[in-house]
Amino acid sequence: MSGGNDGGLAAASKAILALAVGTFAIGTGEFAAMGLLPQMADSMHASIPRTGEAISAYALGVVVGAPVVSVMAARMSRRQLLVLLMAWFAVTNALGTLAGSLGMLDLARFVTGLPHGSFMGVAALVAAGLVERGYRGRAVGRVFRA
């Protein structure tokens, strides 16, 4: 980065930070449930293994959602799509906290997982597109290191 040439990383730093915050939020939303599993099981009056199926439901949502959401949203602007996916994640994650049964918890976690893969993919594309070709890897790395 001699001579101040950083491939546009400095100019794109706010956007890259916003993308990093989004990926951090989604990653935390995915993995925090594992750490809270005993408390979730207690609140549902169920076993830890049965309550743990909610974690699998989220993963299934990611697997199903990534291709389906990406194809359905292919004509949207990337910015609109990122905002929509993050709003979807936030709202469904909040609704999941209100689940009164294991079936509702499983459903909420599945629906919450649907935007995950698409958000990560679009975030990487946007970050790469913000900088010069030789700096794309760095930009994407910054999005995912948070």
C-alpha atoms as a PDB file:
ATOM      1  CA  MET A   1       0.000   0.000   0.000  1.00  0.00           C
ATOM      2  CA  SER A   2       2.785   2.355  -0.788  1.00  0.00           C
ATOM      3  CA  GLY A   3       2.034   5.824  -2.039  1.00  0.00           C
ATOM      4  CA  GLY A   4      -1.415   5.805  -0.420  1.00  0.00           C
ATOM      5  CA  ASN A   5      -2.855   3.458  -3.056  1.00  0.00           C
ATOM      6  CA  ASP A   6      -5.094   1.064  -1.198  1.00  0.00           C
ATOM      7  CA  GLY A   7      -7.255  -0.008  -4.107  1.00  0.00           C
ATOM      8  CA  GLY A   8     -10.214   1.934  -2.802  1.00  0.00           C
ATOM      9  CA  LEU A   9     -10.347   0.163   0.584  1.00  0.00           C
ATOM     10  CA  ALA A  10     -10.346   3.423   2.541  1.00  0.00           C
ATOM     11  CA  ALA A  11     -13.114   4.915   0.420  1.00  0.00           C
ATOM     12  CA  ALA A  12     -15.199   1.766   0.837  1.00  0.00           C
ATOM     13  CA  SER A  13     -14.477   1.341   4.543  1.00  0.00           C
ATOM     14  CA  LYS A  14     -17.931   2.426   5.785  1.00  0.00           C
ATOM     15  CA  ALA A  15     -19.743   0.080   3.412  1.00  0.00           C
ATOM     16  CA  ILE A  16     -17.382  -2.770   4.254  1.00  0.00           C
ATOM     17  CA  LEU A  17     -17.926  -2.109   7.966  1.00  0.00           C
ATOM     18  CA  ALA A  18     -21.703  -2.227   7.473  1.00  0.00           C
ATOM     19  CA  LEU A  19     -21.381  -5.543   5.631  1.00  0.00           C
ATOM     20  CA  ALA A  20     -19.108  -6.872   8.385  1.00  0.00           C
ATOM     21  CA  VAL A  21     -21.658  -5.908  11.048  1.00  0.00           C
ATOM     22  CA  GLY A  22     -24.329  -7.746   9.059  1.00  0.00           C
ATOM     23  CA  THR A  23     -22.268 -10.911   8.712  1.00  0.00           C
ATOM     24  CA  PHE A  24     -21.376 -10.747  12.406  1.00  0.00           C
ATOM     25  CA  ALA A  25     -25.048 -10.424  13.348  1.00  0.00           C
ATOM     26  CA  ILE A  26     -26.097 -13.341  11.193  1.00  0.00           C
ATOM     27  CA  GLY A  27     -23.199 -15.494  12.386  1.00  0.00           C
ATOM     28  CA  THR A  28     -23.971 -14.687  15.995  1.00  0.00           C
ATOM     29  CA  GLY A  29     -27.661 -15.398  15.464  1.00  0.00           C
ATOM     30  CA  GLU A  30     -26.754 -18.791  14.095  1.00  0.00           C
ATOM     31  CA  PHE A  31     -24.252 -19.864  16.740  1.00  0.00           C
ATOM     32  CA  ALA A  32     -25.632 -18.199  19.879  1.00  0.00           C
ATOM     33  CA  ALA A  33     -28.451 -20.738  20.006  1.00  0.00           C
ATOM     34  CA  MET A  34     -25.929 -23.493  20.668  1.00  0.00           C
ATOM     35  CA  GLY A  35     -24.658 -21.696  23.754  1.00  0.00           C
ATOM     36  CA  LEU A  36     -28.192 -21.029  24.945  1.00  0.00           C
ATOM     37  CA  LEU A  37     -29.470 -24.539  24.297  1.00  0.00           C
ATOM     38  CA  PRO A  38     -29.827 -25.565  27.981  1.00  0.00           C
ATOM     39  CA  GLN A  39     -31.821 -22.412  28.737  1.00  0.00           C
ATOM     40  CA  MET A  40     -33.937 -22.887  25.627  1.00  0.00           C
ATOM     41  CA  ALA A  41     -34.676 -26.484  26.627  1.00  0.00           C
ATOM     42  CA  ASP A  42     -35.644 -25.385  30.140  1.00  0.00           C
ATOM     43  CA  SER A  43     -37.992 -22.712  28.832  1.00  0.00           C
ATOM     44  CA  MET A  44     -39.599 -25.211  26.451  1.00  0.00           C
ATOM     45  CA  HIS A  45     -39.775 -27.905  29.152  1.00  0.00           C
ATOM     46  CA  ALA A  46     -38.050 -30.289  26.767  1.00  0.00           C
ATOM     47  CA  SER A  47     -34.852 -32.267  26.498  1.00  0.00           C
ATOM     48  CA  ILE A  48     -31.683 -30.674  25.176  1.00  0.00           C
ATOM     49  CA  PRO A  49     -31.500 -33.123  22.230  1.00  0.00           C
ATOM     50  CA  ARG A  50     -35.078 -32.348  21.164  1.00  0.00           C
ATOM     51  CA  THR A  51     -34.592 -28.617  21.563  1.00  0.00           C
ATOM     52  CA  GLY A  52     -31.340 -28.938  19.615  1.00  0.00           C
ATOM     53  CA  GLU A  53     -33.404 -29.770  16.559  1.00  0.00           C
ATOM     54  CA  ALA A  54     -34.006 -26.026  16.312  1.00  0.00           C
ATOM     55  CA  ILE A  55     -30.306 -25.671  15.459  1.00  0.00           C
ATOM     56  CA  SER A  56     -30.714 -28.217  12.682  1.00  0.00           C
ATOM     57  CA  ALA A  57     -33.825 -26.372  11.504  1.00  0.00           C
ATOM     58  CA  TYR A  58     -31.758 -23.187  11.106  1.00  0.00           C
ATOM     59  CA  ALA A  59     -29.119 -25.079   9.119  1.00  0.00           C
ATOM     60  CA  LEU A  60     -31.809 -26.562   6.896  1.00  0.00           C
ATOM     61  CA  GLY A  61     -33.144 -23.041   6.347  1.00  0.00           C
ATOM     62  CA  VAL A  62     -29.690 -21.926   5.215  1.00  0.00           C
ATOM     63  CA  VAL A  63     -29.405 -24.839   2.778  1.00  0.00           C
ATOM     64  CA  VAL A  64     -32.883 -24.296   1.330  1.00  0.00           C
ATOM     65  CA  GLY A  65     -32.802 -20.521   1.418  1.00  0.00           C
ATOM     66  CA  ALA A  66     -29.472 -19.811  -0.251  1.00  0.00           C
ATOM     67  CA  PRO A  67     -30.412 -20.983  -3.740  1.00  0.00           C
ATOM     68  CA  VAL A  68     -34.135 -20.249  -3.537  1.00  0.00           C
ATOM     69  CA  VAL A  69     -33.801 -16.701  -2.208  1.00  0.00           C
ATOM     70  CA  SER A  70     -30.914 -15.946  -4.567  1.00  0.00           C
ATOM     71  CA  VAL A  71     -32.893 -17.024  -7.630  1.00  0.00           C
ATOM     72  CA  MET A  72     -36.070 -15.247  -6.519  1.00  0.00           C
ATOM     73  CA  ALA A  73     -34.202 -12.009  -5.786  1.00  0.00           C
ATOM     74  CA  ALA A  74     -31.892 -12.038  -8.816  1.00  0.00           C
ATOM     75  CA  ARG A  75     -33.440  -8.894 -10.303  1.00  0.00           C
ATOM     76  CA  MET A  76     -33.284  -6.816  -7.125  1.00  0.00           C
ATOM     77  CA  SER A  77     -30.520  -4.330  -6.545  1.00  0.00           C
ATOM     78  CA  ARG A  78     -27.863  -5.725  -4.249  1.00  0.00           C
ATOM     79  CA  ARG A  79     -28.349  -2.925  -1.771  1.00  0.00           C
ATOM     80  CA  GLN A  80     -32.114  -3.496  -1.567  1.00  0.00           C
ATOM     81  CA  LEU A  81     -31.551  -7.221  -1.245  1.00  0.00           C
ATOM     82  CA  LEU A  82     -29.052  -6.826   1.598  1.00  0.00           C
ATOM     83  CA  VAL A  83     -31.416  -4.536   3.501  1.00  0.00           C
ATOM     84  CA  LEU A  84     -34.350  -6.889   2.924  1.00  0.00           C
ATOM     85  CA  LEU A  85     -32.372  -9.964   4.000  1.00  0.00           C
ATOM     86  CA  MET A  86     -31.100  -8.291   7.168  1.00  0.00           C
ATOM     87  CA  ALA A  87     -34.594  -7.062   8.042  1.00  0.00           C
ATOM     88  CA  TRP A  88     -35.961 -10.560   7.392  1.00  0.00           C
ATOM     89  CA  PHE A  89     -33.294 -12.045   9.659  1.00  0.00           C
ATOM     90  CA  ALA A  90     -33.916  -9.507  12.436  1.00  0.00           C
ATOM     91  CA  VAL A  91     -37.698  -9.804  12.406  1.00  0.00           C
ATOM     92  CA  THR A  92     -37.821 -13.602  12.231  1.00  0.00           C
ATOM     93  CA  ASN A  93     -35.114 -13.924  14.867  1.00  0.00           C
ATOM     94  CA  ALA A  94     -37.113 -11.663  17.180  1.00  0.00           C
ATOM     95  CA  LEU A  95     -40.286 -13.641  16.477  1.00  0.00           C
ATOM     96  CA  GLY A  96     -38.406 -16.832  17.317  1.00  0.00           C
ATOM     97  CA  THR A  97     -37.910 -15.573  20.846  1.00  0.00           C
ATOM     98  CA  LEU A  98     -41.687 -15.619  21.238  1.00  0.00           C
ATOM     99  CA  ALA A  99     -42.085 -19.272  20.219  1.00  0.00           C
ATOM    100  CA  GLY A 100     -44.316 -21.038  22.710  1.00  0.00           C
ATOM    101  CA  SER A 101     -43.727 -24.584  21.503  1.00  0.00           C
ATOM    102  CA  LEU A 102     -40.934 -26.655  20.031  1.00  0.00           C
ATOM    103  CA  GLY A 103     -42.722 -26.834  16.700  1.00  0.00           C
ATOM    104  CA  MET A 104     -42.956 -23.048  16.550  1.00  0.00           C
ATOM    105  CA  LEU A 105     -39.308 -22.734  17.598  1.00  0.00           C
ATOM    106  CA  ASP A 106     -38.257 -25.142  14.841  1.00  0.00           C
ATOM    107  CA  LEU A 107     -40.310 -23.222  12.289  1.00  0.00           C
ATOM    108  CA  ALA A 108     -38.981 -19.862  13.474  1.00  0.00           C
ATOM    109  CA  ARG A 109     -35.379 -21.064  13.302  1.00  0.00           C
ATOM    110  CA  PHE A 110     -35.944 -22.510   9.809  1.00  0.00           C
ATOM    111  CA  VAL A 111     -37.433 -19.249   8.518  1.00  0.00           C
ATOM    112  CA  THR A 112     -34.670 -17.256  10.225  1.00  0.00           C
ATOM    113  CA  GLY A 113     -32.032 -19.337   8.423  1.00  0.00           C
ATOM    114  CA  LEU A 114     -33.479 -18.728   4.953  1.00  0.00           C
ATOM    115  CA  PRO A 115     -31.718 -15.379   4.272  1.00  0.00           C
ATOM    116  CA  HIS A 116     -28.362 -16.450   5.726  1.00  0.00           C
ATOM    117  CA  GLY A 117     -26.620 -17.894   2.666  1.00  0.00           C
ATOM    118  CA  SER A 118     -27.885 -15.237   0.287  1.00  0.00           C
ATOM    119  CA  PHE A 119     -26.799 -12.431   2.595  1.00  0.00           C
ATOM    120  CA  MET A 120     -23.294 -13.861   2.888  1.00  0.00           C
ATOM    121  CA  GLY A 121     -22.970 -14.341  -0.861  1.00  0.00           C
ATOM    122  CA  VAL A 122     -24.290 -10.909  -1.783  1.00  0.00           C
ATOM    123  CA  ALA A 123     -22.171  -9.256   0.921  1.00  0.00           C
ATOM    124  CA  ALA A 124     -19.059 -10.828  -0.593  1.00  0.00           C
ATOM    125  CA  LEU A 125     -20.027  -9.699  -4.095  1.00  0.00           C
ATOM    126  CA  VAL A 126     -20.732  -6.158  -2.947  1.00  0.00           C
ATOM    127  CA  ALA A 127     -17.466  -5.912  -1.003  1.00  0.00           C
ATOM    128  CA  ALA A 128     -15.487  -7.181  -3.998  1.00  0.00           C
ATOM    129  CA  GLY A 129     -17.227  -4.708  -6.275  1.00  0.00           C
ATOM    130  CA  LEU A 130     -16.321  -1.729  -4.096  1.00  0.00           C
ATOM    131  CA  VAL A 131     -12.570  -1.936  -4.677  1.00  0.00           C
ATOM    132  CA  GLU A 132     -10.046  -2.416  -7.453  1.00  0.00           C
ATOM    133  CA  ARG A 133      -9.498  -5.941  -8.747  1.00  0.00           C
ATOM    134  CA  GLY A 134      -6.253  -6.540  -6.825  1.00  0.00           C
ATOM    135  CA  TYR A 135      -7.894  -5.677  -3.502  1.00  0.00           C
ATOM    136  CA  ARG A 136     -11.066  -7.743  -3.754  1.00  0.00           C
ATOM    137  CA  GLY A 137      -9.798 -10.533  -1.531  1.00  0.00           C
ATOM    138  CA  ARG A 138      -8.906  -8.049   1.188  1.00  0.00           C
ATOM    139  CA  ALA A 139     -12.307  -6.386   0.997  1.00  0.00           C
ATOM    140  CA  VAL A 140     -14.128  -9.719   1.267  1.00  0.00           C
ATOM    141  CA  GLY A 141     -11.806 -10.793   4.073  1.00  0.00           C
ATOM    142  CA  ARG A 142     -12.672  -7.653   6.012  1.00  0.00           C
ATOM    143  CA  VAL A 143     -16.376  -8.408   5.686  1.00  0.00           C
ATOM    144  CA  PHE A 144     -15.963 -11.876   7.158  1.00  0.00           C
ATOM    145  CA  ARG A 145     -13.322 -11.319   9.843  1.00  0.00           C
ATOM    146  CA  ALA A 146     -15.571  -9.364  12.186  1.00  0.00           C
END
